[in-house]
């Protein structure tokens, strides 16, 4: 789940458990299945992420519905 990832980690959204209204809301914020995100910080049980250069605050109830596969980020040479 998204809210279990560590600050500074990167991942790809692999599944969104929710109805059409949630999918539309997340898509309007730039988050959909396949989106790459970075965890910026936690706000209570919610989380703030960066996706395509945009900071997005996601509350606990929505963060629990997002499945994210962690990515290994390699430093630039």
C-alpha atoms as a PDB file:
ATOM      1  CA  UNK A   1       0.000   0.000   0.000  1.00  0.00           C
ATOM      2  CA  UNK A   2       1.069   3.526  -0.710  1.00  0.00           C
ATOM      3  CA  UNK A   3       0.976   4.739   2.891  1.00  0.00           C
ATOM      4  CA  UNK A   4       3.440   2.011   3.948  1.00  0.00           C
ATOM      5  CA  UNK A   5       6.253   3.221   1.689  1.00  0.00           C
ATOM      6  CA  UNK A   6       9.230   5.103   3.121  1.00  0.00           C
ATOM      7  CA  UNK A   7       9.968   8.766   2.492  1.00  0.00           C
ATOM      8  CA  UNK A   8      12.170   9.205  -0.562  1.00  0.00           C
ATOM      9  CA  UNK A   9      11.157   5.891  -2.106  1.00  0.00           C
ATOM     10  CA  UNK A  10       9.858   5.597  -5.650  1.00  0.00           C
ATOM     11  CA  UNK A  11       7.243   3.274  -7.052  1.00  0.00           C
ATOM     12  CA  UNK A  12       4.763   2.542  -9.812  1.00  0.00           C
ATOM     13  CA  UNK A  13       1.015   2.402  -9.197  1.00  0.00           C
ATOM     14  CA  UNK A  14      -0.011  -1.148 -10.126  1.00  0.00           C
ATOM     15  CA  UNK A  15      -3.642  -1.225  -8.942  1.00  0.00           C
ATOM     16  CA  UNK A  16      -6.335   1.121  -7.722  1.00  0.00           C
ATOM     17  CA  UNK A  17      -9.102  -0.470  -5.641  1.00  0.00           C
ATOM     18  CA  UNK A  18     -12.039   1.846  -5.993  1.00  0.00           C
ATOM     19  CA  UNK A  19     -14.980   2.871  -8.080  1.00  0.00           C
ATOM     20  CA  UNK A  20     -15.191   5.043 -11.155  1.00  0.00           C
ATOM     21  CA  UNK A  21     -15.488   8.231  -9.081  1.00  0.00           C
ATOM     22  CA  UNK A  22     -12.165   7.530  -7.342  1.00  0.00           C
ATOM     23  CA  UNK A  23     -10.480   6.633 -10.615  1.00  0.00           C
ATOM     24  CA  UNK A  24     -11.680   9.899 -12.188  1.00  0.00           C
ATOM     25  CA  UNK A  25     -10.531  11.911  -9.163  1.00  0.00           C
ATOM     26  CA  UNK A  26      -7.057  10.354  -9.202  1.00  0.00           C
ATOM     27  CA  UNK A  27      -6.772  10.734 -12.984  1.00  0.00           C
ATOM     28  CA  UNK A  28      -7.597  14.439 -12.645  1.00  0.00           C
ATOM     29  CA  UNK A  29      -4.644  14.657 -10.234  1.00  0.00           C
ATOM     30  CA  UNK A  30      -2.376  12.814 -12.685  1.00  0.00           C
ATOM     31  CA  UNK A  31      -2.362   9.427 -10.935  1.00  0.00           C
ATOM     32  CA  UNK A  32      -3.416   6.259 -12.729  1.00  0.00           C
ATOM     33  CA  UNK A  33      -2.245   2.684 -13.065  1.00  0.00           C
ATOM     34  CA  UNK A  34       1.324   2.837 -14.386  1.00  0.00           C
ATOM     35  CA  UNK A  35       2.095   6.251 -12.867  1.00  0.00           C
ATOM     36  CA  UNK A  36       5.520   6.677 -11.306  1.00  0.00           C
ATOM     37  CA  UNK A  37       5.468   8.364  -7.901  1.00  0.00           C
ATOM     38  CA  UNK A  38       7.914   9.489  -5.228  1.00  0.00           C
ATOM     39  CA  UNK A  39       7.017   9.614  -1.531  1.00  0.00           C
ATOM     40  CA  UNK A  40       7.782  13.122  -0.242  1.00  0.00           C
ATOM     41  CA  UNK A  41       6.440  12.845   3.309  1.00  0.00           C
ATOM     42  CA  UNK A  42       3.710  11.424   5.507  1.00  0.00           C
ATOM     43  CA  UNK A  43       0.909  13.561   6.941  1.00  0.00           C
ATOM     44  CA  UNK A  44      -0.605  11.538   9.744  1.00  0.00           C
ATOM     45  CA  UNK A  45      -1.661   8.345   7.997  1.00  0.00           C
ATOM     46  CA  UNK A  46      -1.917  10.112   4.643  1.00  0.00           C
ATOM     47  CA  UNK A  47       0.965  10.738   2.286  1.00  0.00           C
ATOM     48  CA  UNK A  48       2.304  13.465  -0.013  1.00  0.00           C
ATOM     49  CA  UNK A  49       3.665  12.203  -3.326  1.00  0.00           C
ATOM     50  CA  UNK A  50       5.225  13.673  -6.445  1.00  0.00           C
ATOM     51  CA  UNK A  51       3.961  12.506  -9.807  1.00  0.00           C
ATOM     52  CA  UNK A  52       5.185  14.109 -13.031  1.00  0.00           C
ATOM     53  CA  UNK A  53       6.517  17.091 -11.097  1.00  0.00           C
ATOM     54  CA  UNK A  54       3.270  17.744  -9.196  1.00  0.00           C
ATOM     55  CA  UNK A  55       2.937  17.397  -5.407  1.00  0.00           C
ATOM     56  CA  UNK A  56      -0.259  15.593  -4.401  1.00  0.00           C
ATOM     57  CA  UNK A  57      -1.588  15.046  -0.861  1.00  0.00           C
ATOM     58  CA  UNK A  58      -3.481  11.763  -0.552  1.00  0.00           C
ATOM     59  CA  UNK A  59      -5.548  10.975   2.522  1.00  0.00           C
ATOM     60  CA  UNK A  60      -5.401   7.697   4.426  1.00  0.00           C
ATOM     61  CA  UNK A  61      -8.623   6.254   2.991  1.00  0.00           C
ATOM     62  CA  UNK A  62      -7.435   6.733  -0.601  1.00  0.00           C
ATOM     63  CA  UNK A  63      -3.791   5.794   0.088  1.00  0.00           C
ATOM     64  CA  UNK A  64      -4.991   2.415   1.396  1.00  0.00           C
ATOM     65  CA  UNK A  65      -6.628   1.733  -1.983  1.00  0.00           C
ATOM     66  CA  UNK A  66      -3.464   2.260  -4.041  1.00  0.00           C
ATOM     67  CA  UNK A  67      -1.124  -0.661  -4.642  1.00  0.00           C
ATOM     68  CA  UNK A  68       2.383   0.524  -5.499  1.00  0.00           C
ATOM     69  CA  UNK A  69       5.333  -1.587  -6.611  1.00  0.00           C
ATOM     70  CA  UNK A  70       8.578  -0.161  -5.220  1.00  0.00           C
ATOM     71  CA  UNK A  71      11.298   0.798  -7.707  1.00  0.00           C
ATOM     72  CA  UNK A  72      15.025   0.775  -7.253  1.00  0.00           C
ATOM     73  CA  UNK A  73      16.417   4.191  -8.181  1.00  0.00           C
ATOM     74  CA  UNK A  74      19.988   4.189  -9.444  1.00  0.00           C
ATOM     75  CA  UNK A  75      22.027   7.357  -8.936  1.00  0.00           C
ATOM     76  CA  UNK A  76      23.008   9.271 -12.075  1.00  0.00           C
ATOM     77  CA  UNK A  77      26.615   8.848 -13.122  1.00  0.00           C
END
